[in-house]
């Protein structure tokens, strides 16, 4: 039964986790956000009530 031989599967597991933990996060973190987050203003925006025409 070849699936009981852990040698190739353990190597695949180790190399895939090595790639997931080292290579992929560095590539993802190098991307820039298209819209940089901005701080919220301290002033409150004026909200207006919405007049529903059917009520």
N, C-alpha and C. Protein backbone atom coordinates (compact mmCIF):
# COMPACT_ATOMS: atom_id res chain seq x y z
N UNK A 1 0.83 -1.17 0.00
CA UNK A 1 0.00 0.00 0.00
C UNK A 1 0.89 1.25 0.00
N UNK A 2 0.93 1.97 -1.08
CA UNK A 2 1.86 3.11 -1.16
C UNK A 2 1.45 4.28 -0.28
N UNK A 3 0.19 4.42 0.08
CA UNK A 3 -0.21 5.55 0.89
C UNK A 3 0.28 5.44 2.33
N UNK A 4 0.77 4.28 2.75
CA UNK A 4 1.30 4.11 4.09
C UNK A 4 2.76 4.52 4.19
N UNK A 5 3.42 4.77 3.05
CA UNK A 5 4.81 5.20 3.05
C UNK A 5 4.83 6.71 3.31
N UNK A 6 5.30 7.18 4.48
CA UNK A 6 5.21 8.61 4.80
C UNK A 6 6.29 9.47 4.17
N UNK A 7 7.27 8.87 3.53
CA UNK A 7 8.41 9.66 3.04
C UNK A 7 8.02 10.73 2.03
N UNK A 8 7.35 10.44 0.91
CA UNK A 8 7.05 11.53 -0.03
C UNK A 8 6.00 12.49 0.50
N UNK A 9 5.02 11.99 1.26
CA UNK A 9 3.95 12.84 1.74
C UNK A 9 4.43 13.78 2.84
N UNK A 10 5.35 13.33 3.66
CA UNK A 10 5.88 14.21 4.69
C UNK A 10 6.70 15.33 4.07
N UNK A 11 7.47 15.03 3.03
CA UNK A 11 8.26 16.06 2.35
C UNK A 11 7.33 17.08 1.68
N UNK A 12 6.26 16.60 1.06
CA UNK A 12 5.30 17.51 0.43
C UNK A 12 4.65 18.39 1.49
N UNK A 13 4.28 17.82 2.62
CA UNK A 13 3.68 18.59 3.70
C UNK A 13 4.63 19.65 4.22
N UNK A 14 5.87 19.29 4.45
CA UNK A 14 6.85 20.24 4.99
C UNK A 14 7.12 21.36 4.00
N UNK A 15 7.32 21.03 2.73
CA UNK A 15 7.61 22.07 1.75
C UNK A 15 6.41 22.97 1.48
N UNK A 16 5.21 22.42 1.51
CA UNK A 16 4.04 23.27 1.29
C UNK A 16 3.84 24.22 2.47
N UNK A 17 4.03 23.76 3.71
CA UNK A 17 3.92 24.65 4.86
C UNK A 17 5.04 25.67 4.88
N UNK A 18 6.22 25.28 4.44
CA UNK A 18 7.33 26.23 4.34
C UNK A 18 7.00 27.34 3.35
N UNK A 19 6.39 26.97 2.24
CA UNK A 19 6.00 27.98 1.26
C UNK A 19 4.88 28.86 1.81
N UNK A 20 3.89 28.26 2.47
CA UNK A 20 2.78 29.04 3.02
C UNK A 20 3.24 30.01 4.10
N UNK A 21 4.24 29.63 4.87
CA UNK A 21 4.64 30.46 6.00
C UNK A 21 5.76 31.45 5.69
N UNK A 22 6.47 31.27 4.60
CA UNK A 22 7.58 32.18 4.30
C UNK A 22 7.40 32.95 3.01
N UNK A 23 7.09 32.30 1.93
CA UNK A 23 7.08 32.95 0.62
C UNK A 23 5.78 33.72 0.39
N UNK A 24 4.65 33.10 0.61
CA UNK A 24 3.37 33.71 0.29
C UNK A 24 3.07 34.95 1.14
N UNK A 25 3.29 34.95 2.48
CA UNK A 25 3.00 36.18 3.24
C UNK A 25 3.85 37.37 2.81
N UNK A 26 5.11 37.14 2.45
CA UNK A 26 5.93 38.27 2.01
C UNK A 26 5.43 38.84 0.69
N UNK A 27 4.97 37.99 -0.21
CA UNK A 27 4.44 38.48 -1.48
C UNK A 27 3.13 39.22 -1.28
N UNK A 28 2.29 38.75 -0.37
CA UNK A 28 1.00 39.40 -0.13
C UNK A 28 1.21 40.75 0.56
N UNK A 29 2.12 40.81 1.51
CA UNK A 29 2.32 42.04 2.27
C UNK A 29 3.01 43.13 1.45
N UNK A 30 3.63 42.78 0.32
CA UNK A 30 4.29 43.78 -0.51
C UNK A 30 3.30 44.57 -1.37
N UNK A 31 2.06 44.13 -1.45
CA UNK A 31 1.08 44.86 -2.26
C UNK A 31 0.67 46.13 -1.53
N UNK A 32 0.47 47.19 -2.31
CA UNK A 32 0.02 48.46 -1.76
C UNK A 32 -1.49 48.53 -1.89
N UNK A 33 -2.12 49.16 -0.92
CA UNK A 33 -3.56 49.36 -0.99
C UNK A 33 -3.86 50.48 -1.97
N UNK A 34 -4.87 50.35 -2.81
CA UNK A 34 -5.19 51.43 -3.75
C UNK A 34 -5.70 52.68 -3.03
N UNK A 35 -6.40 52.51 -1.95
CA UNK A 35 -6.90 53.64 -1.18
C UNK A 35 -6.35 53.53 0.23
N UNK A 36 -5.43 54.39 0.56
CA UNK A 36 -4.86 54.36 1.90
C UNK A 36 -5.93 54.79 2.91
N UNK A 37 -6.01 54.11 4.04
CA UNK A 37 -7.01 54.50 5.03
C UNK A 37 -6.72 55.88 5.60
N UNK A 38 -7.75 56.65 5.81
CA UNK A 38 -7.60 58.00 6.35
C UNK A 38 -8.22 58.06 7.74
N UNK A 39 -7.80 59.02 8.51
CA UNK A 39 -8.36 59.20 9.84
C UNK A 39 -9.72 59.86 9.74
N UNK A 40 -10.59 59.47 10.64
CA UNK A 40 -11.91 60.09 10.65
C UNK A 40 -11.83 61.48 11.26
N UNK A 41 -12.60 62.38 10.72
CA UNK A 41 -12.64 63.74 11.27
C UNK A 41 -13.37 63.72 12.61
N UNK A 42 -13.02 64.67 13.46
CA UNK A 42 -13.68 64.73 14.76
C UNK A 42 -15.07 65.35 14.67
N UNK A 43 -15.33 66.09 13.59
CA UNK A 43 -16.65 66.71 13.46
C UNK A 43 -17.66 65.68 12.98
N UNK A 44 -18.88 65.82 13.44
CA UNK A 44 -19.95 64.92 13.04
C UNK A 44 -20.61 65.45 11.77
N UNK A 45 -20.92 64.55 10.89
CA UNK A 45 -21.60 64.94 9.68
C UNK A 45 -23.08 65.14 9.96
N UNK A 46 -23.64 66.12 9.27
CA UNK A 46 -25.06 66.41 9.48
C UNK A 46 -25.89 65.36 8.75
N UNK A 47 -26.76 64.74 9.48
CA UNK A 47 -27.65 63.76 8.87
C UNK A 47 -29.03 64.38 8.74
N UNK A 48 -29.62 64.17 7.60
CA UNK A 48 -30.95 64.72 7.35
C UNK A 48 -31.95 63.58 7.28
N UNK A 49 -33.15 63.86 7.72
CA UNK A 49 -34.17 62.83 7.63
C UNK A 49 -34.61 62.67 6.18
N UNK A 50 -35.03 61.50 5.89
CA UNK A 50 -35.44 61.20 4.53
C UNK A 50 -36.97 61.19 4.51
N UNK A 51 -37.54 62.07 3.73
CA UNK A 51 -39.00 62.14 3.62
C UNK A 51 -39.46 61.08 2.63
N UNK A 52 -40.14 60.10 3.18
CA UNK A 52 -40.66 59.05 2.31
C UNK A 52 -41.94 59.53 1.67
N UNK A 53 -42.06 59.47 0.35
CA UNK A 53 -43.24 60.00 -0.31
C UNK A 53 -44.49 59.14 -0.09
N UNK A 54 -44.38 57.91 0.30
CA UNK A 54 -45.57 57.07 0.44
C UNK A 54 -46.07 56.98 1.87
N UNK A 55 -45.50 57.73 2.77
CA UNK A 55 -46.00 57.68 4.14
C UNK A 55 -46.71 58.96 4.49
